[in-house]
């Protein structure tokens, strides 16, 4: 008996999802979609004796008891890897304080005199002092995300929808199918 024949009427992953034996992160994929993917990839495999003798409900319970913890642990591990990337950043804060004081002192003298005469002497004198005091305070913040290549690859594997499906399919095939093909 082939895999697609056994699960034609009642899908294995639909049954597992209805019993809560798939990780909750599969809520965005329906059991029918996972069944379709599994049947397309592995439907022509021969079932082992355990796959032929047990009902779909019994197979779902067996696989859940064997692998549910492994599947949720794998998914939790990769989810924490993705969470680590969210906070991986470098923040540089620069405080700039400019204190400037400019003092400008100026003396202007106007003297006009005529030769040998005191009446024509004009001794006008202007003294001025100008002081400019500036105080500039600026804060600059630079935030830069830094990702290691290995973390990016791990995240890429996690974001591929078939990553956990591949792990689950290998586990299911280990229990249900023969290692030979016709």
N, C-alpha and C. Protein backbone atom coordinates (compact mmCIF):
# COMPACT_ATOMS: atom_id res chain seq x y z
N UNK A 1 0.85 -1.18 0.00
CA UNK A 1 0.00 0.00 0.00
C UNK A 1 0.90 1.24 0.00
N UNK A 2 0.48 2.23 -0.79
CA UNK A 2 1.23 3.47 -0.91
C UNK A 2 0.73 4.49 0.12
N UNK A 3 1.56 5.49 0.36
CA UNK A 3 1.21 6.55 1.30
C UNK A 3 -0.04 7.29 0.85
N UNK A 4 -0.12 7.64 -0.44
CA UNK A 4 -1.26 8.41 -0.91
C UNK A 4 -2.56 7.62 -0.81
N UNK A 5 -2.50 6.28 -0.89
CA UNK A 5 -3.70 5.45 -0.74
C UNK A 5 -4.18 5.43 0.71
N UNK A 6 -3.25 5.35 1.63
CA UNK A 6 -3.62 5.28 3.06
C UNK A 6 -4.28 6.57 3.53
N UNK A 7 -3.77 7.69 3.06
CA UNK A 7 -4.25 8.98 3.57
C UNK A 7 -5.14 9.71 2.56
N UNK A 8 -5.78 8.97 1.65
CA UNK A 8 -6.63 9.59 0.63
C UNK A 8 -7.90 10.19 1.23
N UNK A 9 -8.53 9.48 2.15
CA UNK A 9 -9.81 9.95 2.71
C UNK A 9 -9.62 10.78 3.97
N UNK A 10 -8.71 10.39 4.80
CA UNK A 10 -8.45 11.11 6.05
C UNK A 10 -6.96 11.45 6.09
N UNK A 11 -6.67 12.74 6.00
CA UNK A 11 -5.28 13.17 5.96
C UNK A 11 -4.60 13.02 7.32
N UNK A 12 -3.36 12.60 7.29
CA UNK A 12 -2.59 12.41 8.52
C UNK A 12 -2.40 13.73 9.26
N UNK A 13 -1.97 14.76 8.57
CA UNK A 13 -1.65 16.02 9.23
C UNK A 13 -2.92 16.80 9.61
N UNK A 14 -3.99 16.58 8.88
CA UNK A 14 -5.28 17.16 9.28
C UNK A 14 -5.71 16.55 10.61
N UNK A 15 -5.55 15.25 10.73
CA UNK A 15 -5.89 14.56 11.98
C UNK A 15 -4.99 15.02 13.11
N UNK A 16 -3.69 15.14 12.84
CA UNK A 16 -2.76 15.57 13.88
C UNK A 16 -3.05 16.99 14.33
N UNK A 17 -3.40 17.85 13.39
CA UNK A 17 -3.70 19.24 13.75
C UNK A 17 -4.99 19.34 14.57
N UNK A 18 -5.97 18.54 14.24
CA UNK A 18 -7.22 18.57 14.99
C UNK A 18 -7.03 18.03 16.41
N UNK A 19 -6.08 17.14 16.61
CA UNK A 19 -5.79 16.59 17.94
C UNK A 19 -4.76 17.41 18.70
N UNK A 20 -4.21 18.47 18.07
CA UNK A 20 -3.23 19.32 18.74
C UNK A 20 -1.85 18.69 18.80
N UNK A 21 -1.53 17.85 17.85
CA UNK A 21 -0.25 17.15 17.85
C UNK A 21 0.77 17.76 16.90
N UNK A 22 0.44 18.91 16.30
CA UNK A 22 1.40 19.67 15.52
C UNK A 22 1.73 20.94 16.29
N UNK A 23 2.92 21.46 16.15
CA UNK A 23 3.26 22.71 16.86
C UNK A 23 2.28 23.83 16.49
N UNK A 24 2.00 24.69 17.45
CA UNK A 24 1.01 25.75 17.23
C UNK A 24 1.45 26.74 16.17
N UNK A 25 2.73 26.78 15.85
CA UNK A 25 3.21 27.69 14.83
C UNK A 25 2.73 27.29 13.44
N UNK A 26 2.13 26.10 13.34
CA UNK A 26 1.57 25.67 12.06
C UNK A 26 0.14 26.17 11.86
N UNK A 27 -0.31 27.09 12.68
CA UNK A 27 -1.67 27.60 12.52
C UNK A 27 -1.86 28.33 11.20
N UNK A 28 -0.79 28.89 10.64
CA UNK A 28 -0.93 29.57 9.35
C UNK A 28 -0.98 28.59 8.18
N UNK A 29 -0.56 27.34 8.39
CA UNK A 29 -0.70 26.30 7.38
C UNK A 29 -1.80 25.34 7.84
N UNK A 30 -2.72 25.07 6.97
CA UNK A 30 -3.78 24.13 7.35
C UNK A 30 -3.27 22.71 7.23
N UNK A 31 -3.94 21.80 7.90
CA UNK A 31 -3.58 20.39 7.81
C UNK A 31 -3.71 19.87 6.39
N UNK A 32 -4.71 20.38 5.66
CA UNK A 32 -4.88 19.96 4.27
C UNK A 32 -3.69 20.37 3.41
N UNK A 33 -3.15 21.57 3.65
CA UNK A 33 -2.00 22.02 2.88
C UNK A 33 -0.77 21.15 3.18
N UNK A 34 -0.57 20.80 4.44
CA UNK A 34 0.57 19.96 4.79
C UNK A 34 0.38 18.55 4.22
N UNK A 35 -0.87 18.04 4.27
CA UNK A 35 -1.15 16.74 3.66
C UNK A 35 -0.86 16.75 2.17
N UNK A 36 -1.27 17.81 1.50
CA UNK A 36 -1.02 17.92 0.07
C UNK A 36 0.48 17.94 -0.23
N UNK A 37 1.22 18.70 0.55
CA UNK A 37 2.67 18.76 0.37
C UNK A 37 3.31 17.39 0.62
N UNK A 38 2.88 16.74 1.69
CA UNK A 38 3.45 15.43 2.03
C UNK A 38 3.12 14.40 0.96
N UNK A 39 1.88 14.37 0.49
CA UNK A 39 1.49 13.39 -0.53
C UNK A 39 2.20 13.65 -1.86
N UNK A 40 2.43 14.91 -2.18
CA UNK A 40 3.14 15.21 -3.42
C UNK A 40 4.61 14.82 -3.35
N UNK A 41 5.21 14.99 -2.19
CA UNK A 41 6.63 14.67 -2.05
C UNK A 41 6.89 13.18 -1.77
N UNK A 42 6.01 12.56 -0.98
CA UNK A 42 6.30 11.21 -0.50
C UNK A 42 5.15 10.24 -0.73
N UNK A 43 4.20 10.59 -1.57
CA UNK A 43 3.01 9.77 -1.76
C UNK A 43 3.25 8.42 -2.40
N UNK A 44 4.30 8.26 -3.16
CA UNK A 44 4.55 6.99 -3.85
C UNK A 44 5.44 6.06 -3.04
N UNK A 45 5.68 6.36 -1.81
CA UNK A 45 6.45 5.45 -0.96
C UNK A 45 5.56 4.32 -0.46
N UNK A 46 6.18 3.17 -0.30
CA UNK A 46 5.47 2.02 0.25
C UNK A 46 5.38 2.16 1.76
N UNK A 47 4.21 1.85 2.30
CA UNK A 47 4.04 1.88 3.75
C UNK A 47 4.66 0.64 4.39
N UNK A 48 5.26 0.81 5.53
CA UNK A 48 5.75 -0.31 6.32
C UNK A 48 4.55 -0.99 6.97
N UNK A 49 4.79 -2.08 7.63
CA UNK A 49 3.70 -2.85 8.24
C UNK A 49 2.94 -2.02 9.26
N UNK A 50 3.66 -1.23 10.04
CA UNK A 50 2.99 -0.41 11.06
C UNK A 50 2.06 0.61 10.40
N UNK A 51 2.44 1.14 9.24
CA UNK A 51 1.60 2.08 8.53
C UNK A 51 0.38 1.45 7.91
N UNK A 52 0.51 0.17 7.53
CA UNK A 52 -0.63 -0.54 6.93
C UNK A 52 -1.61 -1.01 7.99
N UNK A 53 -1.12 -1.39 9.17
CA UNK A 53 -1.97 -2.03 10.18
C UNK A 53 -2.72 -1.03 11.06
N UNK A 54 -2.16 0.11 11.33
CA UNK A 54 -2.79 1.07 12.24
C UNK A 54 -3.74 1.99 11.48
N UNK A 55 -4.73 2.53 12.19
CA UNK A 55 -5.62 3.53 11.60
C UNK A 55 -4.92 4.88 11.58
N UNK A 56 -5.51 5.82 10.86
CA UNK A 56 -4.91 7.15 10.77
C UNK A 56 -4.88 7.81 12.15
N UNK A 57 -5.92 7.64 12.94
CA UNK A 57 -5.93 8.21 14.29
C UNK A 57 -4.83 7.61 15.16
N UNK A 58 -4.62 6.30 15.06
CA UNK A 58 -3.57 5.66 15.84
C UNK A 58 -2.18 6.12 15.38
N UNK A 59 -2.01 6.27 14.08
CA UNK A 59 -0.73 6.75 13.56
C UNK A 59 -0.46 8.17 14.05
N UNK A 60 -1.50 9.02 14.03
CA UNK A 60 -1.35 10.40 14.50
C UNK A 60 -0.94 10.43 15.96
N UNK A 61 -1.58 9.64 16.80
CA UNK A 61 -1.22 9.57 18.22
C UNK A 61 0.20 9.06 18.41
N UNK A 62 0.57 8.03 17.66
CA UNK A 62 1.92 7.47 17.77
C UNK A 62 2.97 8.51 17.40
N UNK A 63 2.78 9.18 16.27
CA UNK A 63 3.76 10.18 15.83
C UNK A 63 3.80 11.36 16.80
N UNK A 64 2.66 11.74 17.33
CA UNK A 64 2.63 12.83 18.31
C UNK A 64 3.39 12.47 19.57
N UNK A 65 3.21 11.24 20.04
CA UNK A 65 3.92 10.80 21.24
C UNK A 65 5.43 10.70 20.99
N UNK A 66 5.81 10.28 19.79
CA UNK A 66 7.23 10.11 19.50
C UNK A 66 7.95 11.44 19.24
N UNK A 67 7.33 12.35 18.50
CA UNK A 67 8.08 13.48 17.95
C UNK A 67 7.58 14.87 18.31
N UNK A 68 6.45 14.99 18.99
CA UNK A 68 5.91 16.32 19.24
C UNK A 68 6.90 17.21 19.99
N UNK A 69 7.53 16.69 21.02
CA UNK A 69 8.49 17.49 21.79
C UNK A 69 9.68 17.91 20.92
N UNK A 70 10.16 17.01 20.09
CA UNK A 70 11.29 17.34 19.20
C UNK A 70 10.90 18.47 18.25
N UNK A 71 9.71 18.38 17.68
CA UNK A 71 9.28 19.39 16.71
C UNK A 71 9.11 20.76 17.37
N UNK A 72 8.50 20.79 18.53
CA UNK A 72 8.31 22.08 19.21
C UNK A 72 9.64 22.64 19.71
N UNK A 73 10.55 21.77 20.17
CA UNK A 73 11.87 22.25 20.61
C UNK A 73 12.67 22.83 19.45
N UNK A 74 12.63 22.16 18.30
CA UNK A 74 13.33 22.69 17.11
C UNK A 74 12.78 24.04 16.71
N UNK A 75 11.47 24.13 16.70
CA UNK A 75 10.85 25.40 16.31
C UNK A 75 11.14 26.49 17.33
N UNK A 76 11.13 26.15 18.62
CA UNK A 76 11.43 27.14 19.66
C UNK A 76 12.88 27.61 19.56
N UNK A 77 13.79 26.69 19.25
CA UNK A 77 15.20 27.06 19.11
C UNK A 77 15.39 28.07 17.99
N UNK A 78 14.82 27.80 16.85
CA UNK A 78 14.97 28.73 15.73
C UNK A 78 14.21 30.03 15.95
N UNK A 79 13.13 29.97 16.68
CA UNK A 79 12.40 31.21 17.00
C UNK A 79 13.24 32.10 17.92
N UNK A 80 13.97 31.50 18.87
CA UNK A 80 14.83 32.32 19.73
C UNK A 80 16.00 32.88 18.94
N UNK A 81 16.48 32.15 17.95
CA UNK A 81 17.54 32.68 17.09
C UNK A 81 17.04 33.91 16.34
N UNK A 82 15.81 33.85 15.88
CA UNK A 82 15.24 35.00 15.17
C UNK A 82 15.04 36.17 16.13
N UNK A 83 14.66 35.89 17.38
CA UNK A 83 14.48 36.97 18.36
C UNK A 83 15.80 37.64 18.71
N UNK A 84 16.90 36.88 18.68
CA UNK A 84 18.20 37.46 18.98
C UNK A 84 18.59 38.51 17.95
N UNK A 85 18.15 38.34 16.73
CA UNK A 85 18.51 39.29 15.69
C UNK A 85 17.80 40.63 15.87
N UNK A 86 16.67 40.62 16.55
CA UNK A 86 15.93 41.87 16.74
C UNK A 86 16.71 42.86 17.59
N UNK A 87 17.42 42.40 18.59
CA UNK A 87 18.13 43.29 19.49
C UNK A 87 19.61 43.44 19.19
N UNK A 88 20.06 42.88 18.09
CA UNK A 88 21.48 42.93 17.76
C UNK A 88 21.77 44.22 17.01
N UNK A 89 22.11 45.24 17.77
CA UNK A 89 22.39 46.53 17.14
C UNK A 89 23.43 47.28 17.96
N UNK A 90 24.03 48.22 17.34
CA UNK A 90 25.04 49.06 17.99
C UNK A 90 24.51 50.49 17.98
N UNK A 91 24.51 51.11 19.15
CA UNK A 91 24.04 52.48 19.26
C UNK A 91 25.19 53.35 19.75
N UNK A 92 25.48 54.41 19.00
CA UNK A 92 26.53 55.35 19.36
C UNK A 92 25.86 56.70 19.58
N UNK A 93 26.04 57.27 20.77
CA UNK A 93 25.49 58.58 21.07
C UNK A 93 26.65 59.54 21.26
N UNK A 94 26.59 60.64 20.56
CA UNK A 94 27.67 61.62 20.59
C UNK A 94 27.10 62.94 21.10
N UNK A 95 27.68 63.46 22.15
CA UNK A 95 27.29 64.76 22.70
C UNK A 95 28.34 65.78 22.32
N UNK A 96 27.92 66.83 21.65
CA UNK A 96 28.84 67.87 21.21
C UNK A 96 28.46 69.16 21.91
N UNK A 97 29.42 69.75 22.60
CA UNK A 97 29.21 71.02 23.29
C UNK A 97 30.25 72.00 22.77
N UNK A 98 29.78 73.08 22.18
CA UNK A 98 30.66 74.14 21.69
C UNK A 98 30.47 75.37 22.57
N UNK A 99 31.52 75.78 23.27
CA UNK A 99 31.49 77.02 24.03
C UNK A 99 32.44 78.00 23.35
N UNK A 100 31.88 79.06 22.86
CA UNK A 100 32.69 80.08 22.19
C UNK A 100 32.44 81.42 22.86
N UNK A 101 33.53 82.13 23.07
CA UNK A 101 33.42 83.49 23.58
C UNK A 101 34.34 84.34 22.73
N UNK A 102 33.76 85.31 22.08
CA UNK A 102 34.53 86.16 21.20
C UNK A 102 34.46 87.59 21.76
N UNK A 103 35.62 88.16 22.02
CA UNK A 103 35.69 89.53 22.55
C UNK A 103 36.37 90.39 21.47
N UNK A 104 35.69 91.44 21.11
CA UNK A 104 36.21 92.34 20.07
C UNK A 104 36.35 93.72 20.72
N UNK A 105 37.59 94.17 20.92
CA UNK A 105 37.84 95.50 21.48
C UNK A 105 38.35 96.39 20.36
N UNK A 106 37.80 97.59 20.30
CA UNK A 106 38.16 98.48 19.21
C UNK A 106 38.29 99.90 19.75
N UNK A 107 39.31 100.56 19.31
CA UNK A 107 39.51 101.98 19.65
C UNK A 107 39.65 102.74 18.35
N UNK A 108 38.87 103.78 18.21
CA UNK A 108 38.92 104.61 17.01
C UNK A 108 39.21 106.04 17.45
N UNK A 109 40.29 106.59 16.95
CA UNK A 109 40.68 107.95 17.32
C UNK A 109 40.67 108.82 16.07
N UNK A 110 39.96 109.91 16.17
CA UNK A 110 39.95 110.89 15.07
C UNK A 110 40.71 112.13 15.55
N UNK A 111 41.80 112.40 14.98
CA UNK A 111 42.59 113.59 15.37
C UNK A 111 42.88 114.42 14.12
N UNK A 112 42.45 115.63 14.18
CA UNK A 112 42.76 116.56 13.09
C UNK A 112 43.50 117.75 13.73
N UNK A 113 44.59 118.11 13.22
CA UNK A 113 45.31 119.25 13.80
C UNK A 113 45.86 120.12 12.67
N UNK A 114 45.96 121.31 12.99
CA UNK A 114 46.55 122.25 12.03
C UNK A 114 47.92 122.67 12.56
N UNK A 115 48.70 123.16 11.70
CA UNK A 115 50.05 123.50 12.10
C UNK A 115 50.04 124.68 13.04
N UNK A 116 50.52 124.47 14.19
CA UNK A 116 50.80 125.50 15.16
C UNK A 116 49.55 126.20 15.68
N UNK A 117 48.43 125.48 15.74
CA UNK A 117 47.21 126.13 16.21
C UNK A 117 46.42 125.11 17.03
N UNK A 118 46.05 125.51 18.26
CA UNK A 118 45.33 124.60 19.15
C UNK A 118 43.84 124.54 18.85
N UNK A 119 43.33 125.50 18.12
CA UNK A 119 41.90 125.53 17.87
C UNK A 119 41.45 124.44 16.90
N UNK A 120 42.31 123.99 16.08
CA UNK A 120 41.92 123.00 15.06
C UNK A 120 42.17 121.55 15.50
N UNK A 121 42.51 121.31 16.71
CA UNK A 121 42.77 119.94 17.17
C UNK A 121 41.44 119.31 17.58
N UNK A 122 41.14 118.21 16.98
CA UNK A 122 39.91 117.48 17.28
C UNK A 122 40.33 116.09 17.79
N UNK A 123 40.18 115.91 19.06
CA UNK A 123 40.56 114.64 19.66
C UNK A 123 39.31 113.81 19.97
N UNK A 124 38.65 113.35 18.93
CA UNK A 124 37.52 112.43 19.15
C UNK A 124 38.07 111.01 19.29
N UNK A 125 37.57 110.34 20.29
CA UNK A 125 38.06 108.99 20.52
C UNK A 125 36.86 108.11 20.86
N UNK A 126 36.71 106.99 20.12
CA UNK A 126 35.64 106.03 20.39
C UNK A 126 36.28 104.73 20.86
N UNK A 127 35.84 104.28 22.01
CA UNK A 127 36.24 102.96 22.50
C UNK A 127 34.98 102.08 22.51
N UNK A 128 35.10 100.90 21.95
CA UNK A 128 33.95 99.97 21.98
C UNK A 128 34.47 98.56 22.24
N UNK A 129 33.71 97.86 23.00
CA UNK A 129 34.00 96.46 23.29
C UNK A 129 32.75 95.66 22.96
N UNK A 130 32.93 94.66 22.16
CA UNK A 130 31.82 93.81 21.75
C UNK A 130 32.14 92.39 22.21
N UNK A 131 31.24 91.78 22.97
CA UNK A 131 31.45 90.42 23.47
C UNK A 131 30.31 89.53 22.97
N UNK A 132 30.67 88.46 22.31
CA UNK A 132 29.68 87.49 21.84
C UNK A 132 30.00 86.16 22.51
N UNK A 133 29.00 85.62 23.21
CA UNK A 133 29.16 84.35 23.90
C UNK A 133 28.16 83.37 23.30
N UNK A 134 28.64 82.28 22.73
CA UNK A 134 27.76 81.27 22.14
C UNK A 134 27.96 79.95 22.86
N UNK A 135 26.87 79.26 23.02
CA UNK A 135 26.88 77.96 23.67
C UNK A 135 25.99 77.04 22.84
N UNK A 136 26.60 76.13 22.12
CA UNK A 136 25.86 75.20 21.27
C UNK A 136 25.97 73.80 21.85
N UNK A 137 24.83 73.16 22.07
CA UNK A 137 24.81 71.78 22.54
C UNK A 137 24.03 70.95 21.51
N UNK A 138 24.65 69.87 21.07
CA UNK A 138 24.01 68.99 20.10
C UNK A 138 24.21 67.55 20.54
N UNK A 139 23.19 66.76 20.33
CA UNK A 139 23.28 65.32 20.57
C UNK A 139 22.99 64.61 19.26
N UNK A 140 23.88 63.70 18.89
CA UNK A 140 23.67 62.88 17.70
C UNK A 140 23.67 61.42 18.12
N UNK A 141 22.73 60.67 17.60
CA UNK A 141 22.66 59.24 17.90
C UNK A 141 22.69 58.47 16.59
N UNK A 142 23.56 57.49 16.52
CA UNK A 142 23.70 56.64 15.35
C UNK A 142 23.38 55.21 15.79
N UNK A 143 22.41 54.60 15.14
CA UNK A 143 22.06 53.21 15.44
C UNK A 143 22.31 52.39 14.19
N UNK A 144 23.06 51.31 14.37
CA UNK A 144 23.42 50.47 13.22
C UNK A 144 23.14 49.02 13.57
N UNK A 145 22.43 48.33 12.69
CA UNK A 145 22.15 46.92 12.89
C UNK A 145 23.36 46.11 12.41
N UNK A 146 23.73 45.16 13.24
CA UNK A 146 24.87 44.30 12.90
C UNK A 146 24.40 42.86 12.97
N UNK A 147 24.53 42.13 11.88
CA UNK A 147 24.12 40.73 11.85
C UNK A 147 25.30 39.87 11.40
N UNK A 148 25.48 38.78 12.11
CA UNK A 148 26.49 37.82 11.70
C UNK A 148 25.93 36.98 10.55
N UNK A 149 26.79 36.53 9.67
CA UNK A 149 26.35 35.77 8.50
C UNK A 149 25.67 34.47 8.94
N UNK A 150 26.19 33.83 9.98
CA UNK A 150 25.58 32.57 10.44
C UNK A 150 24.17 32.80 10.96
N UNK A 151 23.93 33.93 11.64
CA UNK A 151 22.59 34.23 12.12
C UNK A 151 21.64 34.52 10.97
N UNK A 152 22.13 35.18 9.95
CA UNK A 152 21.28 35.48 8.79
C UNK A 152 20.91 34.18 8.09
N UNK A 153 21.85 33.25 7.97
CA UNK A 153 21.55 31.96 7.33
C UNK A 153 20.53 31.17 8.16
N UNK A 154 20.68 31.19 9.48
CA UNK A 154 19.73 30.49 10.34
C UNK A 154 18.34 31.10 10.20
N UNK A 155 18.29 32.40 10.14
CA UNK A 155 17.00 33.07 9.99
C UNK A 155 16.40 32.75 8.62
N UNK A 156 17.22 32.69 7.61
CA UNK A 156 16.72 32.37 6.27
C UNK A 156 16.12 30.96 6.25
N UNK A 157 16.79 30.01 6.90
CA UNK A 157 16.25 28.65 6.97
C UNK A 157 14.93 28.63 7.72
N UNK A 158 14.84 29.41 8.78
CA UNK A 158 13.61 29.45 9.57
C UNK A 158 12.46 30.04 8.76
N UNK A 159 12.76 31.07 7.98
CA UNK A 159 11.70 31.75 7.24
C UNK A 159 11.21 30.95 6.04
N UNK A 160 11.94 29.95 5.65
CA UNK A 160 11.44 29.08 4.59
C UNK A 160 10.34 28.21 5.17
N UNK A 161 9.19 28.21 4.54
CA UNK A 161 8.03 27.49 5.09
C UNK A 161 8.26 26.00 5.20
N UNK A 162 9.11 25.43 4.36
CA UNK A 162 9.26 23.99 4.36
C UNK A 162 10.33 23.49 5.32
N UNK A 163 10.98 24.35 6.08
CA UNK A 163 12.06 23.92 6.96
C UNK A 163 11.58 22.92 8.00
N UNK A 164 10.58 23.28 8.79
CA UNK A 164 10.08 22.37 9.81
C UNK A 164 9.32 21.21 9.16
N UNK A 165 8.67 21.47 8.05
CA UNK A 165 7.99 20.38 7.34
C UNK A 165 8.99 19.30 6.94
N UNK A 166 10.17 19.69 6.51
CA UNK A 166 11.18 18.70 6.14
C UNK A 166 11.56 17.82 7.33
N UNK A 167 11.73 18.43 8.49
CA UNK A 167 12.05 17.65 9.69
C UNK A 167 10.92 16.69 10.02
N UNK A 168 9.69 17.19 9.96
CA UNK A 168 8.53 16.36 10.28
C UNK A 168 8.39 15.23 9.26
N UNK A 169 8.56 15.53 7.98
CA UNK A 169 8.41 14.51 6.95
C UNK A 169 9.44 13.40 7.10
N UNK A 170 10.67 13.75 7.44
CA UNK A 170 11.70 12.73 7.66
C UNK A 170 11.31 11.84 8.84
N UNK A 171 10.82 12.44 9.92
CA UNK A 171 10.41 11.65 11.09
C UNK A 171 9.23 10.74 10.76
N UNK A 172 8.25 11.27 10.04
CA UNK A 172 7.08 10.46 9.67
C UNK A 172 7.51 9.31 8.77
N UNK A 173 8.37 9.59 7.79
CA UNK A 173 8.80 8.53 6.89
C UNK A 173 9.65 7.48 7.60
N UNK A 174 10.37 7.87 8.64
CA UNK A 174 11.16 6.91 9.40
C UNK A 174 10.26 5.87 10.04
N UNK A 175 9.08 6.29 10.52
CA UNK A 175 8.17 5.36 11.19
C UNK A 175 7.28 4.62 10.20
N UNK A 176 6.76 5.31 9.19
CA UNK A 176 5.69 4.75 8.38
C UNK A 176 6.12 4.05 7.10
N UNK A 177 7.20 4.46 6.50
CA UNK A 177 7.49 3.96 5.13
C UNK A 177 8.72 3.09 5.10
N UNK A 178 8.81 2.34 4.02
CA UNK A 178 9.99 1.52 3.76
C UNK A 178 11.07 2.36 3.10
N UNK A 179 12.28 1.94 3.22
CA UNK A 179 13.39 2.68 2.64
C UNK A 179 13.66 2.32 1.19
N UNK A 180 12.82 1.45 0.63
CA UNK A 180 13.00 1.02 -0.75
C UNK A 180 11.89 1.58 -1.62
N UNK A 181 12.14 1.67 -2.90
CA UNK A 181 11.17 2.18 -3.84
C UNK A 181 10.98 1.15 -4.95
N UNK A 182 9.82 1.14 -5.58
CA UNK A 182 9.59 0.25 -6.72
C UNK A 182 10.08 0.88 -7.99
